[in-house]
């Protein structure tokens, strides 16, 4: 009998790598994705030490281009998976820029690409499979919408809206899977205040060095989400910033966004338009 297979986007560093290590120790074979071959080689070395009997593969995946998502899907082929951890993401990046398909960078990378990835892979999930969406505590500061024009806003607005969209997507996707009698569970997590690759202002970077918990601890809520029941949201225990994992409440902004339904329907519409354009003859 083949081992269970886990796919971790952004699994070459930080929270993604720590999650991958935990899954390898739990007996999963792994596919980790990322853009940097150098980071991938370091990650593969760490994983070989942590769990020498685990098969680990790295595939380059650029979430700023939906064509790269389609390439990954083709690479995976007919293989079945048991766990998909939608972890990778752009932090607060300046100046304003867009993905290849024209989405604001944070919205495209953090939200649209992971929604599309989940869509193209869902039919290859084994019975009992699980999809985990990794959000952020700053989703609580979102206004509950995804704007059409972010060029006149700070990148922080786009980032927190993208993380809100992760939660809205997780809940709606879970409902769709249940309605279609697919035995796939969807869960959610955020890492609290955890060190990441350098981003933001000097003040933010200094605060991370002094106050943020390491990635090994920030990954704990994500790891919990990998094994929990459906529709549960995990975060750190203390002020949702630090500490051991615990179940946390969804932000009010998510409840509001779910009532409106715009984020889910508009996001699906954007993906349909992309696919229609790809199929349109020149």
Protein backbone atom coordinates (compact mmCIF):
# COMPACT_ATOMS: atom_id res chain seq x y z
CA UNK A 1 0.00 0.00 0.00
CA UNK A 2 1.38 3.41 -0.98
CA UNK A 3 2.09 6.02 1.66
CA UNK A 4 -0.08 9.08 2.01
CA UNK A 5 0.99 12.07 -0.07
CA UNK A 6 1.07 15.64 1.19
CA UNK A 7 1.55 18.71 -1.03
CA UNK A 8 2.87 21.83 0.71
CA UNK A 9 3.09 25.06 -1.27
CA UNK A 10 5.94 27.23 -0.08
CA UNK A 11 7.40 24.15 1.57
CA UNK A 12 11.02 25.14 1.06
CA UNK A 13 11.35 27.59 3.96
CA UNK A 14 9.72 29.02 7.07
CA UNK A 15 6.33 27.76 8.19
CA UNK A 16 5.94 25.63 5.08
CA UNK A 17 9.19 23.77 5.69
CA UNK A 18 8.43 23.25 9.38
CA UNK A 19 5.01 21.87 8.40
CA UNK A 20 6.61 19.59 5.82
CA UNK A 21 9.06 18.26 8.42
CA UNK A 22 6.20 17.44 10.80
CA UNK A 23 4.26 15.69 8.03
CA UNK A 24 7.33 13.68 7.01
CA UNK A 25 7.74 12.52 10.61
CA UNK A 26 4.03 11.59 10.61
CA UNK A 27 4.62 9.23 7.69
CA UNK A 28 3.64 11.26 4.63
CA UNK A 29 5.54 11.33 1.38
CA UNK A 30 5.92 14.93 0.26
CA UNK A 31 5.75 17.26 -2.69
CA UNK A 32 7.01 20.70 -1.72
CA UNK A 33 6.83 23.69 -4.02
CA UNK A 34 8.65 26.98 -4.26
CA UNK A 35 10.43 29.25 -6.69
CA UNK A 36 14.02 29.01 -5.43
CA UNK A 37 16.12 25.98 -6.31
CA UNK A 38 18.68 27.04 -3.71
CA UNK A 39 16.05 27.06 -0.93
CA UNK A 40 14.69 23.76 -2.23
CA UNK A 41 18.08 22.07 -1.96
CA UNK A 42 18.47 23.24 1.64
CA UNK A 43 14.93 22.07 2.44
CA UNK A 44 15.49 18.65 0.90
CA UNK A 45 18.62 18.25 2.99
CA UNK A 46 16.76 19.11 6.21
CA UNK A 47 13.91 16.77 5.32
CA UNK A 48 16.28 13.89 4.58
CA UNK A 49 17.75 14.27 8.05
CA UNK A 50 14.37 14.64 9.77
CA UNK A 51 12.73 11.64 8.09
CA UNK A 52 15.11 9.55 6.03
CA UNK A 53 12.42 7.09 4.87
CA UNK A 54 10.25 9.82 3.37
CA UNK A 55 10.14 10.40 -0.37
CA UNK A 56 10.35 14.15 -0.98
CA UNK A 57 10.02 15.89 -4.34
CA UNK A 58 10.42 19.58 -5.11
CA UNK A 59 8.58 21.21 -7.99
CA UNK A 60 8.98 24.82 -9.03
CA UNK A 61 5.65 26.62 -8.70
CA UNK A 62 5.21 30.32 -9.40
CA UNK A 63 1.87 31.38 -7.96
CA UNK A 64 2.03 34.71 -9.76
CA UNK A 65 1.27 32.83 -12.99
CA UNK A 66 -1.75 30.53 -13.28
CA UNK A 67 0.03 28.76 -16.15
CA UNK A 68 2.54 27.53 -13.56
CA UNK A 69 -0.36 26.11 -11.54
CA UNK A 70 -1.56 24.24 -14.63
CA UNK A 71 1.98 22.94 -15.22
CA UNK A 72 2.09 21.63 -11.66
CA UNK A 73 -1.23 19.88 -12.18
CA UNK A 74 0.10 18.20 -15.33
CA UNK A 75 3.30 17.24 -13.52
CA UNK A 76 1.32 15.54 -10.76
CA UNK A 77 -0.58 13.54 -13.37
CA UNK A 78 -2.96 10.88 -12.08
CA UNK A 79 -1.31 10.60 -8.67
CA UNK A 80 -3.66 10.78 -5.71
CA UNK A 81 -3.01 13.08 -2.79
CA UNK A 82 -4.16 13.07 0.84
CA UNK A 83 -3.23 16.54 2.08
CA UNK A 84 -2.92 19.88 0.32
CA UNK A 85 -1.48 22.70 2.41
CA UNK A 86 -2.04 26.06 0.71
CA UNK A 87 0.71 27.82 2.60
CA UNK A 88 2.83 29.86 0.17
CA UNK A 89 2.20 33.55 -0.12
CA UNK A 90 3.51 37.01 -0.79
CA UNK A 91 4.06 39.19 2.25
CA UNK A 92 3.59 42.96 2.12
CA UNK A 93 5.49 43.87 -1.05
CA UNK A 94 6.13 47.27 -2.61
CA UNK A 95 5.71 48.90 -5.10
CA UNK A 96 2.34 48.05 -6.65
CA UNK A 97 2.56 45.24 -9.20
CA UNK A 98 0.35 42.62 -10.79
CA UNK A 99 0.56 38.92 -11.59
CA UNK A 100 0.90 37.63 -15.14
CA UNK A 101 -2.89 37.45 -15.43
CA UNK A 102 -3.30 41.03 -14.17
CA UNK A 103 -4.40 40.45 -10.56
CA UNK A 104 -3.03 42.68 -7.83
CA UNK A 105 0.06 40.82 -6.60
CA UNK A 106 -1.10 39.79 -3.11
CA UNK A 107 -4.63 38.91 -4.27
CA UNK A 108 -3.30 36.89 -7.20
CA UNK A 109 -0.54 35.00 -5.38
CA UNK A 110 -2.14 34.43 -1.98
CA UNK A 111 -5.76 33.94 -2.99
CA UNK A 112 -6.57 33.35 -6.67
CA UNK A 113 -3.67 30.95 -7.33
CA UNK A 114 -4.49 28.77 -4.31
CA UNK A 115 -8.17 28.69 -5.19
CA UNK A 116 -7.25 27.61 -8.73
CA UNK A 117 -4.76 25.02 -7.45
CA UNK A 118 -7.42 23.53 -5.17
CA UNK A 119 -9.86 23.42 -8.09
CA UNK A 120 -7.54 21.63 -10.49
CA UNK A 121 -6.39 19.08 -7.91
CA UNK A 122 -9.62 18.33 -6.05
CA UNK A 123 -10.64 15.37 -8.23
CA UNK A 124 -7.37 13.63 -7.38
CA UNK A 125 -7.88 13.82 -3.63
CA UNK A 126 -8.32 10.44 -1.98
CA UNK A 127 -11.35 9.76 0.21
CA UNK A 128 -10.64 11.40 3.54
CA UNK A 129 -8.25 13.95 2.04
CA UNK A 130 -7.82 17.40 3.55
CA UNK A 131 -7.14 20.90 2.25
CA UNK A 132 -5.61 23.46 4.62
CA UNK A 133 -5.69 27.20 3.89
CA UNK A 134 -3.08 29.26 5.75
CA UNK A 135 -4.34 32.76 6.52
CA UNK A 136 -3.04 35.53 8.80
CA UNK A 137 -4.15 37.29 11.94
CA UNK A 138 -4.32 40.51 9.90
CA UNK A 139 -7.38 39.13 8.10
CA UNK A 140 -9.24 40.50 11.14
CA UNK A 141 -8.38 44.02 9.94
CA UNK A 142 -9.86 43.52 6.48
CA UNK A 143 -12.97 45.47 5.56
CA UNK A 144 -14.53 42.24 4.34
CA UNK A 145 -14.18 42.94 0.63
CA UNK A 146 -11.70 42.39 -2.17
CA UNK A 147 -11.32 45.64 -4.08
CA UNK A 148 -11.07 46.04 -7.82
CA UNK A 149 -8.42 48.76 -7.63
CA UNK A 150 -5.52 48.46 -5.17
CA UNK A 151 -3.11 50.80 -6.92
CA UNK A 152 -4.26 53.74 -4.79
CA UNK A 153 -4.10 51.74 -1.55
CA UNK A 154 -1.19 50.59 0.59
CA UNK A 155 0.04 47.02 -0.06
CA UNK A 156 -0.97 46.16 3.50
CA UNK A 157 -4.62 46.57 2.54
CA UNK A 158 -4.24 44.12 -0.33
CA UNK A 159 -2.34 41.67 1.86
CA UNK A 160 -4.95 41.52 4.61
CA UNK A 161 -7.77 41.29 2.06
CA UNK A 162 -5.99 38.35 0.41
CA UNK A 163 -5.78 36.57 3.76
CA UNK A 164 -9.46 37.24 4.41
CA UNK A 165 -10.17 35.73 0.98
CA UNK A 166 -8.27 32.58 2.02
CA UNK A 167 -10.77 32.04 4.85
CA UNK A 168 -13.80 32.81 2.69
CA UNK A 169 -12.51 30.38 0.07
CA UNK A 170 -11.92 27.64 2.62
CA UNK A 171 -15.45 27.83 4.01
CA UNK A 172 -17.14 28.03 0.62
CA UNK A 173 -15.01 25.27 -0.85
CA UNK A 174 -15.85 23.03 2.10
CA UNK A 175 -19.56 23.59 1.47
CA UNK A 176 -19.23 22.81 -2.25
CA UNK A 177 -17.31 19.60 -1.56
CA UNK A 178 -19.93 18.47 0.97
CA UNK A 179 -22.79 19.32 -1.41
CA UNK A 180 -21.13 17.17 -4.07
CA UNK A 181 -20.56 14.28 -1.64
CA UNK A 182 -16.78 14.50 -1.92
CA UNK A 183 -15.02 13.16 1.16
CA UNK A 184 -12.51 16.00 1.45
CA UNK A 185 -12.21 18.14 4.57
CA UNK A 186 -11.22 21.82 4.52
CA UNK A 187 -9.57 23.47 7.52
CA UNK A 188 -7.83 26.79 8.24
CA UNK A 189 -4.96 28.16 10.31
CA UNK A 190 -2.86 31.23 10.91
CA UNK A 191 0.62 31.35 12.49
CA UNK A 192 0.17 34.45 14.66
CA UNK A 193 3.21 36.68 14.96
CA UNK A 194 5.91 34.53 13.41
CA UNK A 195 9.24 35.41 11.84
CA UNK A 196 9.21 35.40 8.06
CA UNK A 197 11.44 36.49 5.21
CA UNK A 198 12.31 40.17 5.58
CA UNK A 199 9.46 42.46 4.58
CA UNK A 200 7.83 45.74 5.51
CA UNK A 201 9.39 48.75 7.20
CA UNK A 202 12.51 48.76 9.38
CA UNK A 203 10.23 49.05 12.41
CA UNK A 204 8.29 45.91 11.44
CA UNK A 205 11.50 43.96 10.82
CA UNK A 206 12.91 45.05 14.17
CA UNK A 207 9.70 44.04 15.94
CA UNK A 208 9.86 40.62 14.30
CA UNK A 209 13.41 40.06 15.51
CA UNK A 210 12.50 40.96 19.10
CA UNK A 211 8.90 39.75 19.49
CA UNK A 212 7.99 37.19 16.85
CA UNK A 213 8.05 33.46 17.54
CA UNK A 214 10.18 31.18 15.35
CA UNK A 215 8.73 29.37 12.36
CA UNK A 216 8.87 26.05 14.24
CA UNK A 217 6.26 27.40 16.67
CA UNK A 218 4.30 29.38 14.10
CA UNK A 219 3.79 26.17 12.14
CA UNK A 220 2.03 24.44 15.05
CA UNK A 221 -1.48 25.76 14.22
CA UNK A 222 -0.98 24.73 10.58
CA UNK A 223 0.09 21.25 11.63
CA UNK A 224 -2.96 21.02 13.89
CA UNK A 225 -5.18 21.98 10.96
CA UNK A 226 -3.66 19.12 8.96
CA UNK A 227 -5.27 16.61 11.31
CA UNK A 228 -8.42 18.31 12.63
CA UNK A 229 -12.09 18.09 11.78
CA UNK A 230 -13.68 20.24 9.06
CA UNK A 231 -14.19 24.00 9.21
CA UNK A 232 -11.96 24.54 12.25
CA UNK A 233 -9.72 27.60 12.39
CA UNK A 234 -6.44 27.28 14.31
CA UNK A 235 -4.14 29.95 15.72
CA UNK A 236 -1.75 30.55 18.63
CA UNK A 237 -3.24 30.53 22.12
CA UNK A 238 -2.02 33.84 23.56
CA UNK A 239 -3.74 36.83 21.92
CA UNK A 240 -3.54 34.76 18.71
CA UNK A 241 0.07 35.94 18.48
CA UNK A 242 2.18 33.39 20.32
CA UNK A 243 2.02 30.05 22.04
CA UNK A 244 0.63 26.57 21.45
CA UNK A 245 -2.11 25.98 18.89
CA UNK A 246 -5.77 26.37 19.79
CA UNK A 247 -9.05 26.74 17.96
CA UNK A 248 -9.88 30.41 17.32
CA UNK A 249 -12.94 32.27 16.11
CA UNK A 250 -13.35 33.46 12.56
CA UNK A 251 -13.09 37.25 12.17
CA UNK A 252 -16.34 39.19 11.90
CA UNK A 253 -15.14 40.38 8.52
CA UNK A 254 -15.31 36.78 7.27
CA UNK A 255 -18.89 36.40 8.48
CA UNK A 256 -19.80 39.62 6.68
CA UNK A 257 -18.03 38.52 3.49
CA UNK A 258 -19.78 35.15 3.56
CA UNK A 259 -23.16 36.88 3.84
CA UNK A 260 -22.39 39.05 0.82
CA UNK A 261 -20.96 36.20 -1.24
CA UNK A 262 -19.03 38.54 -3.55
CA UNK A 263 -15.50 37.29 -2.87
CA UNK A 264 -16.33 33.68 -3.71
CA UNK A 265 -18.48 34.38 -6.77
CA UNK A 266 -16.17 37.07 -8.15
CA UNK A 267 -13.08 34.88 -7.68
CA UNK A 268 -14.69 31.96 -9.50
CA UNK A 269 -15.69 34.38 -12.24
CA UNK A 270 -12.10 35.59 -12.64
CA UNK A 271 -10.86 32.01 -13.01
CA UNK A 272 -13.57 31.22 -15.56
CA UNK A 273 -12.55 34.29 -17.57
CA UNK A 274 -8.92 33.20 -17.48
CA UNK A 275 -9.79 29.71 -18.69
CA UNK A 276 -12.08 31.07 -21.39
CA UNK A 277 -9.30 33.33 -22.66
CA UNK A 278 -6.89 30.37 -22.76
CA UNK A 279 -9.34 28.34 -24.84
CA UNK A 280 -10.16 31.20 -27.23
CA UNK A 281 -8.49 30.74 -30.65
CA UNK A 282 -6.03 33.43 -31.76
